[in-house]
Protein backbone atom coordinates (compact mmCIF):
# COMPACT_ATOMS: atom_id res chain seq x y z
CA MET A 1 84.75 103.94 98.30
CA ALA A 2 83.03 104.13 94.96
CA ILE A 3 84.64 101.85 92.36
CA PRO A 4 83.54 101.89 88.68
CA PHE A 5 82.14 98.51 87.68
CA THR A 6 82.41 96.43 84.53
CA ALA A 7 82.35 92.66 84.61
CA ASN A 8 83.26 89.51 82.72
CA ILE A 9 85.14 87.09 85.00
CA SER A 10 84.57 86.83 88.76
CA PHE A 11 87.13 85.43 91.19
CA PHE A 12 85.73 83.98 94.40
CA ARG A 13 88.20 83.95 97.23
CA ALA A 14 87.87 82.63 100.76
CA VAL A 15 90.49 84.01 103.14
CA ILE A 16 90.37 81.92 106.27
CA THR A 17 91.39 82.83 109.80
CA SER A 18 90.63 81.42 113.22
CA PRO A 19 90.09 82.58 116.82
CA GLY A 20 93.18 83.74 118.66
CA HIS A 21 95.23 84.71 115.60
CA PHE A 22 94.94 88.36 116.54
CA SER A 23 95.58 90.17 119.79
CA GLU A 24 94.46 93.67 120.70
CA PRO A 25 94.92 96.19 119.28
CA GLY A 26 94.70 94.12 116.10
CA LEU A 27 98.34 93.01 115.93
CA MET A 28 98.81 89.78 113.99
CA LYS A 29 100.51 87.11 116.10
CA LYS A 30 100.23 83.58 114.88
CA LYS A 31 99.99 81.09 117.74
CA ASN A 32 99.81 77.90 115.76
CA SER A 33 100.41 77.09 112.11
CA THR A 34 98.00 74.14 112.31
CA PRO A 35 94.57 75.12 110.91
CA THR A 36 91.82 75.31 113.52
CA PRO A 37 88.67 73.22 113.01
CA HIS A 38 86.94 76.43 111.88
CA ASP A 39 89.57 77.02 109.18
CA ALA A 40 89.80 73.46 107.96
CA THR A 41 86.07 72.84 107.78
CA PHE A 42 85.27 76.12 106.08
CA ARG A 43 88.01 75.52 103.51
CA GLN A 44 86.94 71.91 102.94
CA PHE A 45 83.45 73.05 102.06
CA LEU A 46 84.29 76.19 100.09
CA THR A 47 86.69 74.37 97.75
CA GLN A 48 83.70 72.46 96.40
CA PRO A 49 82.17 74.38 93.48
CA ASP A 50 78.58 73.41 94.25
CA ILE A 51 78.88 74.75 97.79
CA ALA A 52 80.71 77.87 96.61
CA ARG A 53 77.91 78.44 94.10
CA ASP A 54 75.29 78.21 96.84
CA PHE A 55 77.34 80.59 99.00
CA MET A 56 77.41 83.20 96.26
CA GLU A 57 73.72 82.77 95.47
CA LEU A 58 72.87 83.26 99.14
CA HIS A 59 75.22 86.04 100.16
CA LEU A 60 76.14 88.22 97.19
CA PRO A 61 74.05 91.40 96.93
CA ALA A 62 71.24 90.89 94.43
CA GLU A 63 72.45 93.51 91.95
CA LEU A 64 75.86 91.82 91.77
CA ARG A 65 74.58 88.27 91.81
CA ALA A 66 72.39 89.11 88.81
CA ILE A 67 75.40 89.74 86.57
CA CYS A 68 77.21 86.50 87.51
CA ASP A 69 76.80 83.29 85.53
CA LEU A 70 77.20 80.86 88.43
CA SER A 71 77.07 77.87 86.08
CA THR A 72 80.60 78.79 84.93
CA LEU A 73 82.11 78.63 88.44
CA LYS A 74 85.64 77.19 88.30
CA LEU A 75 88.22 76.57 91.03
CA GLU A 76 91.45 78.47 90.30
CA SER A 77 94.99 78.30 91.66
CA GLY A 78 96.81 81.27 93.09
CA SER A 79 96.45 83.79 95.88
CA PHE A 80 95.69 87.47 96.27
CA VAL A 81 96.83 87.67 99.91
CA GLU A 82 99.93 89.84 100.32
CA ASP A 83 103.18 88.03 101.11
CA ASP A 84 103.40 89.29 104.69
CA LEU A 85 99.92 87.91 105.47
CA ARG A 86 100.10 84.48 103.87
CA GLN A 87 101.14 82.77 107.10
CA TYR A 88 97.81 83.80 108.60
CA PHE A 89 95.38 83.01 105.77
CA SER A 90 94.69 80.41 103.10
CA ASP A 91 92.83 81.15 99.89
CA VAL A 92 90.14 79.53 97.83
CA LEU A 93 89.94 81.09 94.40
CA TYR A 94 87.10 80.70 91.91
CA SER A 95 86.43 82.27 88.54
CA LEU A 96 83.09 82.74 86.87
CA LYS A 97 81.84 84.57 83.83
CA THR A 98 79.35 87.40 83.90
CA THR A 99 76.88 88.65 81.39
CA ALA A 100 78.32 92.11 80.62
CA GLY A 101 81.39 90.73 78.85
CA ASP A 102 83.48 93.90 79.06
CA GLY A 103 85.46 93.69 82.29
CA TYR A 104 86.24 91.69 85.42
CA ILE A 105 84.87 91.24 88.92
CA HIS A 106 86.40 89.59 92.00
CA VAL A 107 84.50 88.41 95.06
CA LEU A 108 86.67 88.29 98.18
CA VAL A 109 85.29 86.31 101.14
CA GLU A 110 86.97 86.10 104.54
CA HIS A 111 85.91 83.66 107.23
CA GLN A 112 86.42 85.15 110.69
CA SER A 113 85.69 83.82 114.18
CA THR A 114 87.10 86.72 116.22
CA PRO A 115 85.94 90.28 115.41
CA ASP A 116 88.68 92.69 114.36
CA LYS A 117 88.02 96.43 114.40
CA HIS A 118 90.43 96.92 111.47
CA MET A 119 88.89 94.18 109.32
CA ALA A 120 87.36 96.64 106.86
CA PHE A 121 90.76 98.19 106.16
CA ARG A 122 92.38 94.77 105.80
CA LEU A 123 89.76 93.73 103.25
CA ILE A 124 90.52 96.89 101.28
CA ARG A 125 94.20 95.90 101.35
CA TYR A 126 93.27 92.50 99.93
CA ALA A 127 91.09 94.16 97.30
CA VAL A 128 93.96 96.40 96.17
CA ALA A 129 96.30 93.37 96.10
CA ALA A 130 93.79 91.60 93.85
CA MET A 131 93.66 94.62 91.55
CA GLN A 132 97.46 94.77 91.39
CA ARG A 133 97.74 91.11 90.47
CA HIS A 134 95.09 91.60 87.81
CA LEU A 135 97.17 94.37 86.20
CA GLU A 136 100.35 92.30 86.46
CA ALA A 137 98.57 89.56 84.51
CA GLY A 138 98.41 91.96 81.57
CA TYR A 139 94.93 93.44 81.87
CA LYS A 140 94.48 97.15 81.14
CA LYS A 141 91.57 97.94 83.48
CA LEU A 142 91.09 97.37 87.19
CA PRO A 143 88.57 94.73 88.28
CA LEU A 144 85.76 95.46 90.70
CA VAL A 145 86.60 93.65 93.95
CA ILE A 146 83.70 92.93 96.34
CA PRO A 147 84.84 92.17 99.91
CA VAL A 148 82.53 89.83 101.88
CA LEU A 149 83.09 89.01 105.57
CA PHE A 150 81.70 85.64 106.74
CA TYR A 151 81.60 85.96 110.54
CA THR A 152 81.00 83.04 112.94
CA GLY A 153 82.24 84.40 116.30
CA LYS A 154 80.73 84.15 119.78
CA ARG A 155 80.11 87.89 120.04
CA SER A 156 76.86 88.87 118.34
CA PRO A 157 76.07 90.86 116.37
CA TYR A 158 79.33 91.73 114.63
CA PRO A 159 80.53 94.79 116.59
CA TYR A 160 82.53 96.78 114.01
CA SER A 161 81.74 98.68 110.85
CA THR A 162 82.55 96.93 107.58
CA ARG A 163 82.83 100.30 105.84
CA TRP A 164 86.53 101.06 105.71
CA LEU A 165 86.00 104.83 105.61
CA ASP A 166 84.58 104.63 109.14
CA GLU A 167 88.10 103.88 110.40
CA PHE A 168 89.09 107.51 109.78
CA ASP A 169 88.60 110.27 112.34
CA ASP A 170 86.62 112.14 109.69
CA PRO A 171 84.84 109.57 107.48
CA VAL A 172 83.10 112.30 105.47
CA GLN A 173 86.37 113.97 104.49
CA ALA A 174 87.94 110.58 103.79
CA GLY A 175 85.01 109.69 101.55
CA LYS A 176 85.46 112.88 99.56
CA LEU A 177 89.21 112.28 99.20
CA TYR A 178 89.02 108.65 98.09
CA SER A 179 86.09 109.09 95.74
CA SER A 180 87.61 112.07 93.92
CA ALA A 181 90.61 112.60 91.66
CA PHE A 182 93.86 112.96 93.58
CA PRO A 183 95.66 116.33 93.54
CA LEU A 184 97.92 116.69 90.50
CA VAL A 185 100.88 119.06 90.25
CA ASP A 186 101.60 119.16 86.51
CA VAL A 187 104.65 121.41 86.26
CA THR A 188 104.61 121.13 82.47
CA VAL A 189 101.64 123.52 82.28
CA ILE A 190 102.62 125.98 85.04
CA PRO A 191 103.98 129.25 83.55
CA ASP A 192 107.59 130.03 84.44
CA ASP A 193 106.57 133.41 85.88
CA GLU A 194 104.23 131.65 88.28
CA ILE A 195 106.90 129.10 89.21
CA ALA A 196 109.29 131.96 90.05
CA GLY A 197 106.98 132.86 92.93
CA HIS A 198 107.03 129.39 94.50
CA ARG A 199 109.64 130.40 97.10
CA SER A 200 111.82 127.44 98.17
CA MET A 201 110.21 125.16 95.56
CA ALA A 202 110.80 127.54 92.64
CA ALA A 203 114.31 126.49 91.56
CA LEU A 204 113.61 122.76 91.76
CA THR A 205 110.30 123.11 89.91
CA LEU A 206 111.79 125.28 87.17
CA LEU A 207 114.72 122.91 86.61
CA GLN A 208 112.61 119.78 86.56
CA LYS A 209 110.18 121.42 84.16
CA HIS A 210 112.97 122.28 81.69
CA ILE A 211 115.56 119.55 82.37
CA HIS A 212 114.84 117.89 79.02
CA GLN A 213 115.17 121.01 76.86
CA ARG A 214 117.99 121.09 74.32
CA ASP A 215 120.33 123.44 76.19
CA LEU A 216 119.82 124.45 79.80
CA ALA A 217 122.20 127.41 79.34
CA GLU A 218 119.15 129.33 78.13
CA LEU A 219 117.68 128.89 81.62
CA VAL A 220 120.27 131.02 83.45
CA ASP A 221 118.26 134.24 83.05
CA ARG A 222 115.26 132.67 84.79
CA LEU A 223 117.17 130.62 87.36
CA ALA A 224 119.54 133.33 88.64
CA PRO A 225 116.83 135.66 90.08
CA ILE A 226 115.23 132.71 91.88
CA LEU A 227 118.53 131.80 93.53
CA LEU A 228 119.19 135.45 94.38
CA ALA A 229 115.93 135.49 96.36
CA GLY A 230 117.77 133.56 99.07
CA TYR A 231 115.33 130.73 99.80
CA LEU A 232 117.99 128.03 99.36
CA SER A 233 121.20 127.24 101.22
CA SER A 234 124.51 126.71 99.42
CA SER A 235 124.23 122.94 99.90
CA GLN A 236 120.79 122.97 98.27
CA VAL A 237 122.08 125.06 95.36
CA ILE A 238 124.99 122.63 94.94
CA SER A 239 122.50 119.73 94.82
CA LEU A 240 120.56 121.48 92.07
CA VAL A 241 123.72 122.15 90.04
CA HIS A 242 124.79 118.52 90.34
CA TYR A 243 121.31 117.59 89.11
CA ILE A 244 121.73 119.89 86.10
CA VAL A 245 125.13 118.40 85.26
CA GLN A 246 123.96 114.80 85.61
CA ALA A 247 120.50 114.98 84.04
CA GLY A 248 120.54 118.10 81.88
CA GLU A 249 121.33 118.64 78.21
CA THR A 250 123.69 121.61 78.51
CA SER A 251 126.52 121.41 75.98
CA ASP A 252 129.04 123.16 78.25
CA ALA A 253 128.31 122.46 81.90
CA GLU A 254 131.41 124.31 83.10
CA ALA A 255 130.46 127.53 81.31
CA PHE A 256 126.89 127.21 82.61
CA VAL A 257 128.06 126.93 86.22
CA ARG A 258 130.58 129.78 85.88
CA GLU A 259 127.88 132.05 84.47
CA LEU A 260 125.58 131.12 87.34
CA ALA A 261 128.37 131.83 89.85
CA GLN A 262 128.80 135.35 88.46
CA ARG A 263 125.05 136.00 88.54
CA VAL A 264 124.50 134.63 92.06
CA PRO A 265 127.43 135.96 94.14
CA GLN A 266 126.16 134.68 97.51
CA HIS A 267 126.73 131.14 96.21
CA GLY A 268 129.69 132.10 94.01
CA ASP A 269 132.40 130.23 95.91
CA ALA A 270 130.47 126.96 95.98
CA LEU A 271 129.55 127.26 92.31
CA MET A 272 133.10 128.14 91.23
CA THR A 273 134.38 125.07 93.06
CA ILE A 274 132.00 122.94 90.99
CA ALA A 275 133.10 124.73 87.80
CA GLN A 276 136.75 124.02 88.59
CA GLN A 277 135.94 120.37 89.24
CA LEU A 278 134.16 120.19 85.89
CA GLU A 279 137.14 121.84 84.19
CA GLN A 280 139.52 119.30 85.72
CA LYS A 281 137.27 116.44 84.68
CA GLY A 282 137.21 117.86 81.16
CA ILE A 283 141.01 117.99 81.06
CA GLU A 284 141.29 114.44 82.37
CA LYS A 285 138.68 113.23 79.92
CA GLY A 286 140.54 114.92 77.06
CA ILE A 287 143.83 113.30 78.09
CA GLN A 288 142.17 109.92 78.41
CA LEU A 289 140.47 110.33 75.03
CA GLY A 290 143.78 111.33 73.42
CA GLU A 291 145.53 108.34 74.93
CA GLN A 292 142.76 106.03 73.76
CA ARG A 293 142.87 107.42 70.24
CA GLY A 294 146.66 107.02 70.20
CA ILE A 295 146.39 103.40 71.27
CA GLU A 296 143.69 102.75 68.69
CA LYS A 297 145.75 104.41 65.97
CA GLY A 298 148.73 102.28 66.92
CA ARG A 299 146.66 99.14 66.72
CA ASN A 300 145.28 100.07 63.31
CA GLU A 301 148.74 100.93 62.00
CA GLY A 302 150.06 97.65 63.34
CA LYS A 303 147.32 95.73 61.56
CA GLN A 304 148.06 97.58 58.32
CA GLU A 305 151.79 96.80 58.58
CA GLY A 306 150.94 93.16 59.16
CA LYS A 307 148.79 93.03 56.03
CA LEU A 308 151.50 94.71 53.98
CA GLU A 309 154.07 92.16 55.18
CA VAL A 310 151.77 89.28 54.19
CA ALA A 311 151.19 90.89 50.79
CA ARG A 312 154.96 91.31 50.27
CA THR A 313 155.51 87.60 50.93
CA MET A 314 152.70 86.60 48.57
CA LEU A 315 154.04 88.79 45.76
CA GLN A 316 157.54 87.44 46.26
CA ASN A 317 156.11 83.96 45.80
CA GLY A 318 154.61 84.84 42.45
CA ILE A 319 150.97 85.35 43.42
CA ASP A 320 149.28 87.87 41.14
CA ARG A 321 148.33 91.28 42.52
CA ASN A 322 144.54 90.87 42.14
CA THR A 323 144.60 87.72 44.24
CA VAL A 324 146.77 89.43 46.87
CA MET A 325 144.37 92.40 47.10
CA LYS A 326 141.37 90.08 47.39
CA MET A 327 142.91 87.97 50.15
CA THR A 328 144.38 90.83 52.22
CA GLY A 329 141.79 93.55 51.66
CA LEU A 330 144.53 95.93 50.56
CA SER A 331 144.11 98.40 47.70
CA GLU A 332 146.33 99.02 44.68
CA ASP A 333 147.70 102.11 46.43
CA ASP A 334 148.54 99.98 49.48
CA LEU A 335 150.45 97.49 47.34
CA ALA A 336 152.32 100.38 45.73
CA GLN A 337 153.95 101.01 49.13
CA ILE A 338 155.59 97.59 49.13
CA ARG A 339 159.23 97.53 48.20
CA HIS A 340 160.35 94.22 46.78
């Protein structure tokens, strides 16, 4: 898979496994949590920067090694291994600067004693995990991740391809897919007339294209013929109407649904049921709003009466009117209501 490359910091990572950790056909079954001698020794050596530097000088491809400043090699904390794999592997993480100065590079090294026919795919998984962590750290661009397999098994030479595309039935087609832009369906640029011909996808596409417009009521003329075409069941139409009510901007959802019911008679009963439900909700909401406003008005009137009573007492005790207004927040007109 072709990956664009820019470099500045390189992370060296040793992902260590041992014989017997995997059973055919590649299922991960951990037999023992204690590191094997292979694991422990490899990790002991690769956590030493001088040895890690030699490893990279010896085994990185020349064109990549040339951009790495190995004198800046530094042991780092952290792991790129996905959570569900951490019981099987331990990491050694190094950083180093490169000469380009405009991006990042990671070198991912796995020590393996038993060949695994899916190793290439697993290394790609690790590479993607490394890229994800890089983005989560706040960087804007993906790093180049170079997987390296360090194999020490009894079977020789290593029997499986280290090119992950070879794991597909059609590697050529897979290579074209994963080295090209993915298919994009941008409904924002598809004309409505074209969308109308999209059969069972037409109504959903049209609604999701226009769901953010100011008033979806304007969409009835385009939506009704699509529903009349008969590609959708009543339950699917109901789902779309609920979507309109919940996510749309229509000012009168009930009127919108009633209009649609008249224009699409085969779904009329289902749509009228929704319209009636919306009407009832509107009535209940109006009652609730009226009750709330009444309660709020009562509270405000109660507060005002309380202030007037305090002002009456202050005036009766000889406090001048300006002081009373300042302390109670009442106006001259308010004080005029007080009867001594």
